[in-house]
Amino acid sequence: MVTKKVKTNHPYYRVLSGTSMPFPHIHEAVSEQLLLLIFKARRLYLDPEYRPWFDEQHRILSALRANTKLQNILEQNREDYSIGETDNPLSKELYAAFQVMCHLYNGFDNRLVSLKTWGDMNREPTAKFVGQNSGGWKTPEMEEFVRNDLFNILTDCKAHCSPLPALVRQGYCHQDLSVAHSCTKELLEQLNRYHQIDESAILARTLGLAINNCYHSETEVPEWLSPFENEYKSPWNCEKPDTNDVSKLRKQLLTIGRTEFVDKMFSLANKNATKIIYDGYVKLYALEIYEWLNKLVQYFKGNDFIRYTWKFTTIISDESDTIENTTAWEKDYCQITIQRDELLKLIYTNTLQDAAMNLAGCLQQAYIEPLKREINYPGINIDAKEREIRKSIEFRSELNNFTNIMKQLETFEKWYNANKILLVSNKKKRTEKIDVNIRLAGLKGYDLNEGIPDGQGRKIKDGVNELVKADGSLQLPQDISDTSLNRYRQAVQHIIKDEIDTL
């Protein structure tokens, strides 16, 4: 057995041992963008001209969240239409409220007051009456709710405010600003879930998939990987992160010791093997980040509110067909189509690139089996399944397109490091980094003091700092002083009042 000296400063070693992590700046980057939105909402709320709009939307959203009739209708629709449960971070109450509120928010973006949007909702054809991030349906029960209950809510809440001017919104849509005002607690809870990413489980899953590859290729499991081999010599169930097999592998990894295992791997494995483990680990880590980020953006007006569907299929060429002035080819080809109005809307909303990436993932997933058949049996006839018409809504392609996910995360990190503004302090002699928790603590104190979102403000002497200290999600030092918390709050107040409009 040949062993090598372990280079503990090697990037692969540092990541796999947990000394460093992939995408180390992604949490800061996301935090800054979220804080910029929240601070902008706070700035507009300070303006007497726009404060009534935020208060109005908060009243309507609160009324919809408390409406059990709406929740029951949506739950019944889910059962009637056989719509499966989704891994949605929103509470049942907030999810139901958003299915209606998203139309009111969209109306504001189109310069319509709530009651005008309500009238349009009553006249919308079934196909257009869709909730946020859902398949959408317009049942008689929902029509009746919109016609009567929603009208009563709007009138009870005195909904008459005009939309926020585009100039003062500075590119933010009404939904995002309203959510930043009313749902800060939920947003920051989801932001904090980044710290729940289980690195040991990710590494365990990576090792299980590596063993499965050995079984699939009928190669011997290397010695350094053998402690994780399945005693029944059957593949581990590691396709998802929450399986019993992943739990078993994680337990074994913790028993051996993560650092001890990585030391042994680097001393015995060749460079190619360590790279395979590293690449697999980083891909799964990127997917965990993607899932976390995807749950955060569920609160906002997302691209999937822009409805579109790609259709594609394999067409077998016919020598007798004329291909001149057609989209056909002389050889077998893949035909891809999209409705013209959907394409124009994607271009108008600057979301075509996202839709194209979604298409790429769908094609990759749909054609992986034909690719394998072509490799193993060159020239084999195209089967009937490949010739079926497939739709993009059948796939969760983004979860299978690791390369695009990793590229997006890396690009976002790079952009953040070149443009960060909230998490740095530009002093005369040097630029200092500011911890995310300092800004979050300042925001918490500011909101308690100002009474956001419910209008129940507190004086500092009435326990604001004590409530900030008691918030475990902020990860503040236990001995943090009131002086520090006051300074954090005052810094946030200064940004909101004097700086946010220019950032």
Protein backbone atom coordinates (compact mmCIF):
# COMPACT_ATOMS: atom_id res chain seq x y z
CA MET A 1 0.00 0.00 0.00
CA VAL A 2 1.40 3.36 -1.07
CA THR A 3 0.50 6.36 1.05
CA LYS A 4 1.15 10.01 0.32
CA LYS A 5 1.76 12.96 2.57
CA VAL A 6 -1.53 14.77 3.04
CA LYS A 7 -1.52 18.40 1.88
CA THR A 8 -3.98 19.95 4.30
CA ASN A 9 -3.81 23.30 2.52
CA HIS A 10 -5.01 21.82 -0.77
CA PRO A 11 -8.36 23.39 -1.81
CA TYR A 12 -10.00 19.97 -2.21
CA TYR A 13 -8.85 18.90 1.25
CA ARG A 14 -10.03 22.11 2.89
CA VAL A 15 -13.50 21.83 1.39
CA LEU A 16 -14.01 18.10 2.00
CA SER A 17 -12.70 18.31 5.57
CA GLY A 18 -14.96 21.27 6.36
CA THR A 19 -12.17 23.80 6.91
CA SER A 20 -13.69 25.89 4.13
CA MET A 21 -16.89 25.61 2.16
CA PRO A 22 -17.99 25.85 -1.46
CA PHE A 23 -19.50 29.19 -2.47
CA PRO A 24 -18.30 30.86 0.76
CA HIS A 25 -19.84 34.26 -0.01
CA ILE A 26 -23.27 33.16 -1.19
CA HIS A 27 -25.01 33.74 2.14
CA GLU A 28 -23.60 37.26 2.39
CA ALA A 29 -24.55 37.98 -1.22
CA VAL A 30 -28.15 36.85 -0.74
CA SER A 31 -28.37 38.62 2.63
CA GLU A 32 -27.27 41.92 1.14
CA GLN A 33 -29.84 41.78 -1.66
CA LEU A 34 -32.58 40.93 0.83
CA LEU A 35 -31.51 43.74 3.16
CA LEU A 36 -31.44 46.25 0.30
CA LEU A 37 -35.06 45.36 -0.49
CA ILE A 38 -36.14 45.54 3.16
CA PHE A 39 -34.34 48.86 3.70
CA LYS A 40 -35.98 50.29 0.57
CA ALA A 41 -39.41 49.25 1.86
CA ARG A 42 -38.61 50.89 5.20
CA ARG A 43 -37.55 54.11 3.45
CA LEU A 44 -40.81 54.33 1.52
CA TYR A 45 -42.74 53.57 4.70
CA LEU A 46 -41.19 56.65 6.31
CA ASP A 47 -42.77 58.84 3.63
CA PRO A 48 -46.29 59.99 4.68
CA GLU A 49 -47.36 59.78 1.03
CA TYR A 50 -46.58 56.06 0.71
CA ARG A 51 -47.08 54.76 4.26
CA PRO A 52 -50.85 54.30 3.76
CA TRP A 53 -50.19 51.92 0.85
CA PHE A 54 -48.03 49.63 3.01
CA ASP A 55 -50.56 49.73 5.86
CA GLU A 56 -53.38 48.92 3.45
CA GLN A 57 -51.62 45.91 1.94
CA HIS A 58 -50.68 44.67 5.41
CA ARG A 59 -54.34 44.80 6.47
CA ILE A 60 -55.49 42.93 3.36
CA LEU A 61 -52.73 40.33 3.62
CA SER A 62 -53.49 39.80 7.32
CA ALA A 63 -57.20 39.37 6.58
CA LEU A 64 -56.50 36.82 3.85
CA ARG A 65 -54.04 34.94 6.07
CA ALA A 66 -56.74 34.63 8.73
CA ASN A 67 -59.41 33.48 6.26
CA THR A 68 -59.99 29.76 6.80
CA LYS A 69 -62.57 29.65 4.00
CA LEU A 70 -59.89 30.53 1.44
CA GLN A 71 -57.54 27.92 2.89
CA ASN A 72 -60.23 25.25 2.72
CA ILE A 73 -61.09 26.10 -0.89
CA LEU A 74 -57.48 25.79 -1.98
CA GLU A 75 -57.04 22.56 -0.03
CA GLN A 76 -60.16 21.09 -1.64
CA ASN A 77 -58.97 22.20 -5.07
CA ARG A 78 -55.68 20.46 -4.42
CA GLU A 79 -57.50 17.21 -3.70
CA ASP A 80 -60.00 17.53 -6.57
CA TYR A 81 -57.30 18.27 -9.12
CA SER A 82 -54.89 15.67 -7.72
CA ILE A 83 -52.23 18.30 -7.19
CA GLY A 84 -49.46 16.85 -5.06
CA GLU A 85 -47.97 18.44 -2.01
CA THR A 86 -45.14 20.84 -2.75
CA ASP A 87 -42.08 21.53 -0.67
CA ASN A 88 -43.23 25.08 -0.03
CA PRO A 89 -41.69 27.09 2.83
CA LEU A 90 -44.78 29.28 3.13
CA SER A 91 -47.24 28.48 5.88
CA LYS A 92 -50.65 27.21 4.80
CA GLU A 93 -52.15 30.59 5.71
CA LEU A 94 -49.58 32.69 3.87
CA TYR A 95 -49.61 30.41 0.83
CA ALA A 96 -53.38 30.77 0.53
CA ALA A 97 -53.20 34.54 0.96
CA PHE A 98 -50.59 34.87 -1.77
CA GLN A 99 -52.80 33.02 -4.26
CA VAL A 100 -55.10 36.04 -4.15
CA MET A 101 -52.69 38.83 -3.21
CA CYS A 102 -50.45 38.14 -6.20
CA HIS A 103 -53.24 39.39 -8.48
CA LEU A 104 -53.62 42.60 -6.48
CA TYR A 105 -49.86 43.13 -6.52
CA ASN A 106 -49.75 42.48 -10.26
CA GLY A 107 -52.54 45.00 -10.69
CA PHE A 108 -50.52 47.65 -8.89
CA ASP A 109 -47.59 46.94 -11.21
CA ASN A 110 -50.00 47.68 -14.07
CA ARG A 111 -51.08 50.95 -12.38
CA LEU A 112 -54.45 49.63 -11.16
CA VAL A 113 -55.98 50.13 -7.71
CA SER A 114 -57.14 47.03 -5.84
CA LEU A 115 -60.85 47.35 -6.64
CA LYS A 116 -60.11 47.75 -10.36
CA THR A 117 -58.00 44.59 -10.20
CA TRP A 118 -60.82 42.86 -8.32
CA GLY A 119 -63.17 43.70 -11.20
CA ASP A 120 -60.70 42.30 -13.72
CA MET A 121 -60.34 39.11 -11.66
CA ASN A 122 -64.08 38.53 -11.95
CA ARG A 123 -63.91 38.83 -15.72
CA GLU A 124 -60.74 36.77 -16.27
CA PRO A 125 -61.10 33.52 -18.20
CA THR A 126 -60.28 30.38 -16.28
CA ALA A 127 -56.93 29.89 -17.98
CA LYS A 128 -55.64 33.24 -16.75
CA PHE A 129 -56.83 32.97 -13.17
CA VAL A 130 -53.72 31.46 -11.65
CA GLY A 131 -52.13 31.76 -8.28
CA GLN A 132 -48.50 32.40 -7.59
CA ASN A 133 -46.15 29.49 -8.30
CA SER A 134 -49.02 27.06 -8.86
CA GLY A 135 -50.78 25.29 -11.68
CA GLY A 136 -53.77 27.55 -11.15
CA TRP A 137 -57.47 26.84 -11.31
CA LYS A 138 -60.71 28.80 -11.25
CA THR A 139 -63.40 26.77 -9.57
CA PRO A 140 -66.93 27.96 -8.74
CA GLU A 141 -65.91 28.14 -5.08
CA MET A 142 -62.94 30.38 -5.86
CA GLU A 143 -65.03 32.56 -8.18
CA GLU A 144 -67.57 33.01 -5.41
CA PHE A 145 -64.83 33.83 -2.90
CA VAL A 146 -63.36 36.50 -5.17
CA ARG A 147 -66.76 37.95 -6.03
CA ASN A 148 -68.02 38.23 -2.45
CA ASP A 149 -65.42 37.57 0.25
CA LEU A 150 -62.53 39.38 -1.40
CA PHE A 151 -64.77 42.36 -2.13
CA ASN A 152 -65.81 42.50 1.53
CA ILE A 153 -62.17 42.30 2.64
CA LEU A 154 -61.18 45.13 0.30
CA THR A 155 -64.02 47.35 1.44
CA ASP A 156 -63.47 46.55 5.13
CA CYS A 157 -59.78 47.40 4.72
CA LYS A 158 -60.70 50.63 2.90
CA ALA A 159 -58.61 49.65 -0.10
CA HIS A 160 -58.30 52.79 -2.18
CA CYS A 161 -54.55 53.54 -2.30
CA SER A 162 -52.92 54.33 -5.62
CA PRO A 163 -49.92 52.28 -6.78
CA LEU A 164 -46.43 53.35 -5.76
CA PRO A 165 -44.84 55.40 -8.55
CA ALA A 166 -42.29 53.48 -10.61
CA LEU A 167 -39.71 56.20 -10.01
CA VAL A 168 -39.73 55.79 -6.23
CA ARG A 169 -39.83 51.98 -6.42
CA GLN A 170 -36.49 52.01 -8.28
CA GLY A 171 -37.11 48.73 -10.07
CA TYR A 172 -38.78 46.85 -7.22
CA CYS A 173 -42.27 45.47 -7.82
CA HIS A 174 -45.18 46.02 -5.44
CA GLN A 175 -45.28 42.45 -4.19
CA ASP A 176 -41.63 42.41 -3.16
CA LEU A 177 -41.93 45.73 -1.31
CA SER A 178 -45.12 44.66 0.47
CA VAL A 179 -43.66 41.30 1.46
CA ALA A 180 -40.49 43.01 2.71
CA HIS A 181 -42.70 45.15 4.95
CA SER A 182 -45.17 42.54 6.19
CA CYS A 183 -43.19 39.28 6.17
CA THR A 184 -39.73 40.26 7.41
CA LYS A 185 -39.87 37.67 10.20
CA GLU A 186 -40.57 34.83 7.77
CA LEU A 187 -37.96 36.07 5.29
CA LEU A 188 -35.21 36.21 7.89
CA GLU A 189 -36.17 32.79 9.25
CA GLN A 190 -35.71 31.31 5.78
CA LEU A 191 -32.47 33.26 5.31
CA ASN A 192 -31.17 31.74 8.54
CA ARG A 193 -31.95 28.20 7.33
CA TYR A 194 -28.80 28.42 5.23
CA HIS A 195 -26.93 27.50 8.40
CA GLN A 196 -28.91 24.25 8.58
CA ILE A 197 -27.21 22.85 5.48
CA ASP A 198 -25.71 19.58 6.73
CA GLU A 199 -22.21 19.22 5.27
CA SER A 200 -21.74 15.75 6.77
CA ALA A 201 -24.93 14.52 5.08
CA ILE A 202 -23.78 15.98 1.76
CA LEU A 203 -20.41 14.23 2.01
CA ALA A 204 -22.08 10.97 3.07
CA ARG A 205 -24.40 11.17 0.09
CA THR A 206 -21.42 11.84 -2.18
CA LEU A 207 -19.68 8.71 -0.89
CA GLY A 208 -22.81 6.63 -1.36
CA LEU A 209 -23.12 7.75 -4.97
CA ALA A 210 -19.42 6.98 -5.53
CA ILE A 211 -19.96 3.43 -4.27
CA ASN A 212 -23.00 3.08 -6.52
CA ASN A 213 -20.82 4.06 -9.48
CA CYS A 214 -18.40 1.29 -8.55
CA TYR A 215 -21.24 -1.23 -8.45
CA HIS A 216 -22.65 0.04 -11.75
CA SER A 217 -19.29 -0.14 -13.53
CA GLU A 218 -18.46 -3.45 -11.82
CA THR A 219 -15.18 -2.11 -10.43
CA GLU A 220 -13.75 -2.83 -7.01
CA VAL A 221 -14.56 -0.37 -4.25
CA PRO A 222 -11.23 1.22 -3.20
CA GLU A 223 -9.94 0.60 0.31
CA TRP A 224 -10.41 4.18 1.52
CA LEU A 225 -14.07 4.02 0.47
CA SER A 226 -14.78 0.48 1.69
CA PRO A 227 -15.98 1.49 5.22
CA PHE A 228 -19.07 2.92 3.51
CA GLU A 229 -19.82 -0.08 1.34
CA ASN A 230 -23.28 -1.59 1.59
CA GLU A 231 -23.09 -4.90 3.46
CA TYR A 232 -25.59 -6.36 0.98
CA LYS A 233 -23.52 -5.13 -2.00
CA SER A 234 -26.58 -3.35 -3.34
CA PRO A 235 -26.69 0.34 -4.36
CA TRP A 236 -27.38 2.95 -1.72
CA ASN A 237 -30.54 5.03 -2.07
CA CYS A 238 -28.86 8.43 -2.31
CA GLU A 239 -30.86 10.13 -5.04
CA LYS A 240 -32.49 12.35 -2.40
CA PRO A 241 -30.86 13.83 0.72
CA ASP A 242 -33.39 12.61 3.29
CA THR A 243 -33.34 8.83 2.77
CA ASN A 244 -32.56 6.24 5.44
CA ASP A 245 -29.47 5.19 3.50
CA VAL A 246 -28.05 8.72 3.58
CA SER A 247 -28.71 8.79 7.32
CA LYS A 248 -26.81 5.49 7.76
CA LEU A 249 -23.87 6.76 5.71
CA ARG A 250 -23.78 10.01 7.67
CA LYS A 251 -23.73 8.10 10.96
CA GLN A 252 -20.83 5.97 9.69
CA LEU A 253 -18.95 9.10 8.59
CA LEU A 254 -19.36 10.70 12.01
CA THR A 255 -18.24 7.47 13.69
CA ILE A 256 -15.05 7.38 11.64
CA GLY A 257 -14.57 11.12 11.83
CA ARG A 258 -14.80 13.44 8.87
CA THR A 259 -11.23 14.69 9.11
CA GLU A 260 -9.89 11.17 9.67
CA PHE A 261 -11.70 9.89 6.59
CA VAL A 262 -10.50 12.76 4.40
CA ASP A 263 -6.92 12.25 5.65
CA LYS A 264 -7.08 8.59 4.67
CA MET A 265 -8.62 9.34 1.29
CA PHE A 266 -5.93 11.89 0.42
CA SER A 267 -3.17 9.54 1.55
CA LEU A 268 -4.43 6.56 -0.50
CA ALA A 269 -6.53 7.81 -3.41
CA ASN A 270 -5.15 9.10 -6.69
CA LYS A 271 -5.79 12.64 -7.93
CA ASN A 272 -8.59 11.57 -10.25
CA ALA A 273 -10.48 9.83 -7.44
CA THR A 274 -10.21 12.80 -5.07
CA LYS A 275 -11.38 15.12 -7.85
CA ILE A 276 -14.41 12.92 -8.49
CA ILE A 277 -15.36 13.06 -4.79
CA TYR A 278 -14.72 16.80 -4.65
CA ASP A 279 -16.77 17.51 -7.77
CA GLY A 280 -19.62 15.35 -6.53
CA TYR A 281 -19.59 17.07 -3.13
CA VAL A 282 -19.61 20.56 -4.63
CA LYS A 283 -22.46 19.68 -7.00
CA LEU A 284 -24.64 18.39 -4.15
CA TYR A 285 -23.68 21.40 -2.03
CA ALA A 286 -24.73 23.71 -4.87
CA LEU A 287 -28.05 21.87 -5.06
CA GLU A 288 -28.63 22.39 -1.32
CA ILE A 289 -27.95 26.11 -1.75
CA TYR A 290 -30.27 26.20 -4.74
CA GLU A 291 -33.07 24.56 -2.75
CA TRP A 292 -32.55 27.02 0.12
CA LEU A 293 -32.54 30.00 -2.22
CA ASN A 294 -35.53 28.70 -4.16
CA LYS A 295 -37.56 28.56 -0.95
CA LEU A 296 -36.59 32.13 -0.13
CA VAL A 297 -37.73 33.48 -3.49
CA GLN A 298 -41.13 31.77 -3.09
CA TYR A 299 -42.13 34.88 -1.15
CA PHE A 300 -41.50 37.16 -4.10
CA LYS A 301 -42.93 37.72 -7.55
CA GLY A 302 -41.09 35.05 -9.45
CA ASN A 303 -40.45 34.28 -13.07
CA ASP A 304 -42.83 31.36 -12.95
CA PHE A 305 -45.66 33.89 -12.67
CA ILE A 306 -44.84 34.41 -16.36
CA ARG A 307 -46.53 31.33 -17.74
CA TYR A 308 -44.82 29.54 -20.61
CA THR A 309 -44.48 26.00 -21.90
CA TRP A 310 -41.91 24.51 -24.20
CA LYS A 311 -43.03 21.60 -26.39
CA PHE A 312 -40.54 19.29 -28.02
CA THR A 313 -40.33 15.92 -29.71
CA THR A 314 -38.18 13.90 -32.08
CA ILE A 315 -39.21 13.97 -35.73
CA ILE A 316 -38.08 11.19 -38.04
CA SER A 317 -37.08 12.65 -41.39
CA ASP A 318 -38.76 11.52 -44.57
CA GLU A 319 -36.73 11.69 -47.77
CA SER A 320 -39.89 12.48 -49.73
CA ASP A 321 -40.57 15.63 -47.70
CA THR A 322 -39.43 18.98 -49.02
CA ILE A 323 -37.43 20.82 -46.39
CA GLU A 324 -36.76 24.00 -48.33
CA ASN A 325 -38.30 27.03 -46.59
CA THR A 326 -39.30 24.89 -43.59
CA THR A 327 -37.82 24.31 -40.14
CA ALA A 328 -37.34 20.63 -40.95
CA TRP A 329 -33.97 18.93 -41.52
CA GLU A 330 -32.80 16.20 -43.84
CA LYS A 331 -31.84 14.07 -40.82
CA ASP A 332 -33.91 13.12 -37.77
CA TYR A 333 -34.33 16.23 -35.66
CA CYS A 334 -35.72 17.62 -32.43
CA GLN A 335 -38.58 20.04 -32.91
CA ILE A 336 -38.99 22.70 -30.22
CA THR A 337 -41.89 25.15 -30.09
CA ILE A 338 -43.28 27.89 -27.86
CA GLN A 339 -46.31 30.12 -28.30
CA ARG A 340 -45.48 33.50 -29.79
CA ASP A 341 -47.23 35.55 -27.10
CA GLU A 342 -45.37 33.65 -24.38
CA LEU A 343 -42.06 34.23 -26.15
CA LEU A 344 -42.74 37.96 -26.47
CA LYS A 345 -43.70 38.16 -22.80
CA LEU A 346 -40.47 36.40 -21.78
CA ILE A 347 -38.47 38.88 -23.84
CA TYR A 348 -40.43 41.85 -22.45
CA THR A 349 -39.88 40.73 -18.85
CA ASN A 350 -36.21 39.90 -19.44
CA THR A 351 -36.77 36.27 -18.42
CA LEU A 352 -36.06 34.53 -21.72
CA GLN A 353 -32.62 33.39 -20.56
CA ASP A 354 -34.14 31.67 -17.53
CA ALA A 355 -36.73 29.99 -19.75
CA ALA A 356 -33.99 28.86 -22.15
CA MET A 357 -32.02 27.36 -19.25
CA ASN A 358 -35.17 25.56 -18.17
CA LEU A 359 -35.52 24.17 -21.69
CA ALA A 360 -31.89 23.03 -21.70
CA GLY A 361 -32.47 21.08 -18.49
CA CYS A 362 -35.64 19.50 -19.88
CA LEU A 363 -33.87 18.39 -23.06
CA GLN A 364 -30.96 17.01 -21.08
CA GLN A 365 -33.29 15.00 -18.88
CA ALA A 366 -35.52 13.82 -21.73
CA TYR A 367 -32.71 12.74 -24.03
CA ILE A 368 -30.33 11.10 -21.56
CA GLU A 369 -31.79 7.64 -22.20
CA PRO A 370 -31.74 8.01 -26.02
CA LEU A 371 -28.11 9.08 -25.67
CA LYS A 372 -27.26 5.93 -23.70
CA ARG A 373 -29.01 3.76 -26.28
CA GLU A 374 -27.15 5.46 -29.12
CA ILE A 375 -23.82 4.91 -27.36
CA ASN A 376 -24.51 1.25 -26.64
CA TYR A 377 -26.32 0.46 -29.89
CA PRO A 378 -25.24 2.90 -32.63
CA GLY A 379 -27.86 3.37 -35.33
CA ILE A 380 -30.69 1.81 -33.30
CA ASN A 381 -34.18 2.83 -34.37
CA ILE A 382 -35.80 5.71 -32.50
CA ASP A 383 -38.41 4.30 -30.14
CA ALA A 384 -42.00 5.48 -29.76
CA LYS A 385 -41.40 7.16 -26.40
CA GLU A 386 -38.83 9.53 -27.87
CA ARG A 387 -41.34 10.49 -30.56
CA GLU A 388 -43.95 11.51 -27.99
CA ILE A 389 -44.58 15.23 -27.53
CA ARG A 390 -43.16 16.33 -24.20
CA LYS A 391 -43.85 19.55 -22.28
CA SER A 392 -41.47 21.48 -20.06
CA ILE A 393 -43.96 21.46 -17.18
CA GLU A 394 -43.36 17.70 -16.86
CA PHE A 395 -39.81 18.27 -15.65
CA ARG A 396 -38.02 19.74 -12.68
CA SER A 397 -35.07 20.29 -14.93
CA GLU A 398 -33.33 22.91 -12.84
CA LEU A 399 -32.56 20.30 -10.19
CA ASN A 400 -30.74 18.17 -12.70
CA ASN A 401 -28.69 20.86 -14.37
CA PHE A 402 -25.82 21.10 -11.91
CA THR A 403 -23.57 23.00 -14.29
CA ASN A 404 -26.02 25.87 -14.69
CA ILE A 405 -26.70 26.03 -10.95
CA MET A 406 -23.01 26.16 -10.09
CA LYS A 407 -22.30 28.74 -12.77
CA GLN A 408 -25.11 30.97 -11.51
CA LEU A 409 -23.86 30.76 -7.91
CA GLU A 410 -20.28 31.50 -8.92
CA THR A 411 -21.36 34.43 -11.10
CA PHE A 412 -23.51 35.87 -8.32
CA GLU A 413 -20.66 35.58 -5.81
CA LYS A 414 -18.24 37.25 -8.19
CA TRP A 415 -20.68 40.09 -8.85
CA TYR A 416 -21.31 40.54 -5.12
CA ASN A 417 -17.62 40.72 -4.26
CA ALA A 418 -17.18 43.46 -6.86
CA ASN A 419 -20.27 45.44 -5.86
CA LYS A 420 -20.96 44.91 -2.14
CA ILE A 421 -22.23 48.03 -0.40
CA LEU A 422 -24.12 47.16 2.79
CA LEU A 423 -21.69 44.71 4.36
CA VAL A 424 -18.61 46.93 4.15
CA SER A 425 -17.57 50.08 5.97
CA ASN A 426 -15.48 52.47 3.89
CA LYS A 427 -13.30 54.21 6.43
CA LYS A 428 -10.61 56.73 5.63
CA LYS A 429 -7.71 54.35 6.14
CA ARG A 430 -9.24 51.01 5.15
CA THR A 431 -12.37 49.15 4.09
CA GLU A 432 -13.76 46.84 6.76
CA LYS A 433 -16.14 43.94 6.36
CA ILE A 434 -19.39 44.08 8.35
CA ASP A 435 -20.91 40.83 9.59
CA VAL A 436 -24.41 40.04 8.32
CA ASN A 437 -25.66 39.59 11.89
CA ILE A 438 -24.72 43.17 12.73
CA ARG A 439 -27.05 44.47 10.03
CA LEU A 440 -29.77 41.97 10.99
CA ALA A 441 -29.52 42.97 14.66
CA GLY A 442 -29.74 46.63 13.67
CA LEU A 443 -32.82 45.91 11.57
CA LYS A 444 -34.46 43.97 14.39
CA GLY A 445 -33.94 46.86 16.80
CA TYR A 446 -35.14 49.39 14.23
CA ASP A 447 -38.36 47.48 13.52
CA LEU A 448 -39.14 47.03 17.21
CA ASN A 449 -38.58 50.73 17.79
CA GLU A 450 -40.67 51.81 14.78
CA GLY A 451 -43.41 49.19 15.25
CA ILE A 452 -43.04 47.51 11.87
CA PRO A 453 -45.21 45.98 10.53
CA ASP A 454 -48.07 46.26 13.05
CA GLY A 455 -47.59 49.84 14.20
CA GLN A 456 -46.87 48.85 17.82
CA GLY A 457 -43.62 50.74 18.37
CA ARG A 458 -41.50 50.45 21.52
CA LYS A 459 -39.18 52.87 23.20
CA ILE A 460 -35.60 51.71 23.58
CA LYS A 461 -35.94 51.82 27.37
CA ASP A 462 -38.93 49.46 27.15
CA GLY A 463 -36.80 46.43 26.33
CA VAL A 464 -35.90 46.71 22.64
CA ASN A 465 -32.31 45.57 23.20
CA GLU A 466 -33.43 42.70 25.42
CA LEU A 467 -35.68 41.40 22.64
CA VAL A 468 -32.84 41.64 20.13
CA LYS A 469 -30.53 39.70 22.46
CA ALA A 470 -33.20 37.02 22.93
CA ASP A 471 -33.41 36.37 19.17
CA GLY A 472 -31.29 33.24 18.77
CA SER A 473 -31.33 33.43 14.97
CA LEU A 474 -29.05 36.49 15.07
CA GLN A 475 -26.10 34.49 16.43
CA LEU A 476 -24.86 37.42 18.51
CA PRO A 477 -22.26 37.10 21.29
CA GLN A 478 -23.91 36.36 24.62
CA ASP A 479 -22.15 39.28 26.27
CA ILE A 480 -23.05 41.84 23.61
CA SER A 481 -23.63 45.27 25.14
CA ASP A 482 -26.53 47.66 24.78
CA THR A 483 -24.06 50.20 23.43
CA SER A 484 -23.22 47.92 20.51
CA LEU A 485 -26.87 47.17 19.78
CA ASN A 486 -27.71 50.87 19.86
CA ARG A 487 -24.89 51.52 17.41
CA TYR A 488 -26.12 48.77 15.07
CA ARG A 489 -29.67 50.14 15.16
CA GLN A 490 -28.52 53.70 14.53
CA ALA A 491 -26.41 52.57 11.57
CA VAL A 492 -29.44 50.86 9.99
CA GLN A 493 -31.57 53.93 10.68
CA HIS A 494 -28.97 56.12 8.95
CA ILE A 495 -28.89 53.83 5.89
CA ILE A 496 -32.69 53.82 5.62
CA LYS A 497 -33.12 57.57 6.04
CA ASP A 498 -30.10 58.94 4.21
CA GLU A 499 -28.45 56.35 1.98
CA ILE A 500 -30.73 53.63 0.60
CA ASP A 501 -32.10 55.72 -2.28
CA THR A 502 -28.58 56.17 -3.65
CA LEU A 503 -27.32 52.61 -3.15
